[in-house]
Amino acid sequence: MSNFSVLVVDDDDTIRKLLVEYLDLTHVTVDSARDGVEALHQVALNRYRVIVLDVVMPKMSGVDFLNSLEAMLADASIRSFDEPPVVLVITATPPSDLPRSSLQDRYPQLVRGVFRKPLDLPELGKTVKTHLAR
């Protein structure tokens, strides 16, 4: 396992804590944020290999966070990223309202997977491990 960290971003305390505890069991360093604003602050301070990101959140949605993260990556005045983090989106939004391709096509450098709630934790954990190992 690499020494890179994971950031879990979800406004639902129960889901966020569950994901942190589950990923922590796989010996991964896991931080968390309650919304996109808090997540941007975390990203400015720390480097994450993987970000598990909810879409529907107060203050700043997951989509707004992705837009801001893209802007940060493009801004030469901000401490550079060695490489962009892998974003795994989690959402309860039905595929008809938010198709997987719409996120992956809009953010091809960032979004590497979309997981629907209720989450398949073993599959999410496997995907996180795969991206940490690269």
Protein backbone atom coordinates (compact mmCIF):
# COMPACT_ATOMS: atom_id res chain seq x y z
CA MET A 1 0.00 0.00 0.00
CA SER A 2 1.27 3.45 -0.81
CA ASN A 3 1.70 6.28 1.65
CA PHE A 4 -0.85 8.45 -0.11
CA SER A 5 -4.01 9.57 1.63
CA VAL A 6 -7.71 9.47 0.88
CA LEU A 7 -10.19 12.29 1.47
CA VAL A 8 -13.84 11.38 2.06
CA VAL A 9 -16.28 14.23 1.39
CA ASP A 10 -19.91 13.72 2.41
CA ASP A 11 -22.35 15.88 4.37
CA ASP A 12 -24.09 12.84 5.89
CA ASP A 13 -22.26 12.14 9.17
CA THR A 14 -23.21 8.47 9.18
CA ILE A 15 -22.00 7.79 5.63
CA ARG A 16 -18.84 9.85 6.08
CA LYS A 17 -17.90 8.06 9.32
CA LEU A 18 -18.73 4.66 7.82
CA LEU A 19 -16.48 5.33 4.81
CA VAL A 20 -13.64 6.64 6.97
CA GLU A 21 -13.83 3.61 9.27
CA TYR A 22 -14.11 1.16 6.38
CA LEU A 23 -11.16 2.62 4.46
CA ASP A 24 -9.14 2.99 7.66
CA LEU A 25 -9.43 -0.78 8.15
CA THR A 26 -7.51 -1.21 4.90
CA HIS A 27 -4.54 0.63 6.45
CA VAL A 28 -5.09 3.76 4.41
CA THR A 29 -4.69 7.24 5.88
CA VAL A 30 -8.15 8.79 5.62
CA ASP A 31 -9.25 12.38 6.23
CA SER A 32 -12.77 13.69 5.92
CA ALA A 33 -14.73 16.82 5.07
CA ARG A 34 -18.41 17.70 5.48
CA ASP A 35 -18.77 19.69 2.26
CA GLY A 36 -16.93 21.05 -0.74
CA VAL A 37 -15.70 24.16 1.08
CA GLU A 38 -14.06 22.10 3.81
CA ALA A 39 -12.70 19.70 1.17
CA LEU A 40 -11.04 22.54 -0.77
CA HIS A 41 -9.37 23.66 2.44
CA GLN A 42 -8.11 20.10 3.03
CA VAL A 43 -6.83 19.82 -0.56
CA ALA A 44 -4.96 23.12 -0.19
CA LEU A 45 -3.17 21.78 2.89
CA ASN A 46 -2.66 18.11 2.00
CA ARG A 47 -2.08 15.94 -1.03
CA TYR A 48 -4.58 13.18 -1.68
CA ARG A 49 -4.25 10.38 -4.19
CA VAL A 50 -7.99 9.59 -4.00
CA ILE A 51 -11.01 11.73 -3.12
CA VAL A 52 -14.34 10.02 -2.45
CA LEU A 53 -16.85 12.77 -3.20
CA ASP A 54 -20.59 13.07 -2.64
CA VAL A 55 -22.46 15.17 -5.20
CA VAL A 56 -25.37 16.70 -3.28
CA MET A 57 -24.08 18.71 -0.32
CA PRO A 58 -24.86 22.09 1.27
CA LYS A 59 -22.55 25.11 0.93
CA MET A 60 -20.67 23.65 -2.06
CA SER A 61 -21.85 20.69 -4.11
CA GLY A 62 -19.58 17.99 -5.44
CA VAL A 63 -19.83 19.49 -8.93
CA ASP A 64 -18.83 22.92 -7.61
CA PHE A 65 -15.93 21.28 -5.79
CA LEU A 66 -14.82 19.61 -9.04
CA ASN A 67 -14.97 22.97 -10.84
CA SER A 68 -12.88 24.58 -8.10
CA LEU A 69 -10.40 21.70 -8.06
CA GLU A 70 -9.97 22.00 -11.83
CA ALA A 71 -9.28 25.72 -11.40
CA MET A 72 -6.72 24.99 -8.68
CA LEU A 73 -4.97 22.47 -10.90
CA ALA A 74 -4.78 25.00 -13.74
CA ASP A 75 -3.53 27.88 -11.55
CA ALA A 76 0.27 28.10 -11.70
CA SER A 77 0.34 30.34 -8.62
CA ILE A 78 -0.99 27.54 -6.43
CA ARG A 79 1.43 24.90 -5.16
CA SER A 80 1.54 22.39 -7.96
CA PHE A 81 0.14 18.91 -7.78
CA ASP A 82 2.46 16.11 -8.88
CA GLU A 83 -0.63 14.64 -10.47
CA PRO A 84 -4.33 15.29 -10.07
CA PRO A 85 -6.16 13.23 -7.45
CA VAL A 86 -8.48 10.46 -8.57
CA VAL A 87 -12.07 11.37 -7.71
CA LEU A 88 -14.58 8.62 -7.03
CA VAL A 89 -18.04 10.13 -6.96
CA ILE A 90 -20.73 8.73 -4.67
CA THR A 91 -24.33 9.74 -5.15
CA ALA A 92 -27.92 8.78 -4.47
CA THR A 93 -28.99 10.64 -7.61
CA PRO A 94 -30.54 8.19 -10.11
CA PRO A 95 -28.54 7.45 -13.27
CA SER A 96 -31.33 8.98 -15.37
CA ASP A 97 -30.79 12.34 -13.62
CA LEU A 98 -27.00 12.14 -13.39
CA PRO A 99 -25.47 9.69 -15.89
CA ARG A 100 -22.02 8.35 -15.07
CA SER A 101 -20.74 9.61 -18.41
CA SER A 102 -21.80 13.20 -17.72
CA LEU A 103 -19.36 13.42 -14.80
CA GLN A 104 -16.58 11.40 -16.40
CA ASP A 105 -16.84 13.30 -19.69
CA ARG A 106 -16.97 16.70 -17.96
CA TYR A 107 -14.00 15.96 -15.66
CA PRO A 108 -11.87 13.40 -17.54
CA GLN A 109 -8.69 14.23 -15.58
CA LEU A 110 -10.43 13.79 -12.24
CA VAL A 111 -13.48 11.50 -12.15
CA ARG A 112 -12.52 7.83 -12.46
CA GLY A 113 -15.67 6.23 -11.11
CA VAL A 114 -19.25 6.83 -10.01
CA PHE A 115 -20.80 4.74 -7.24
CA ARG A 116 -24.51 4.81 -6.42
CA LYS A 117 -25.92 4.73 -2.93
CA PRO A 118 -26.48 2.37 -1.25
CA LEU A 119 -22.77 1.82 -1.69
CA ASP A 120 -21.05 -1.45 -2.46
CA LEU A 121 -18.30 -0.92 0.12
CA PRO A 122 -16.09 -3.82 -0.98
CA GLU A 123 -16.16 -2.56 -4.58
CA LEU A 124 -15.44 1.02 -3.51
CA GLY A 125 -12.61 -0.18 -1.26
CA LYS A 126 -11.14 -2.26 -4.08
CA THR A 127 -11.26 0.73 -6.44
CA VAL A 128 -9.60 3.00 -3.86
CA LYS A 129 -6.81 0.43 -3.33
CA THR A 130 -6.29 0.10 -7.09
CA HIS A 131 -5.79 3.84 -7.49
CA LEU A 132 -3.55 4.08 -4.42
CA ALA A 133 -1.29 1.37 -5.82
CA ARG A 134 -0.64 3.11 -9.13
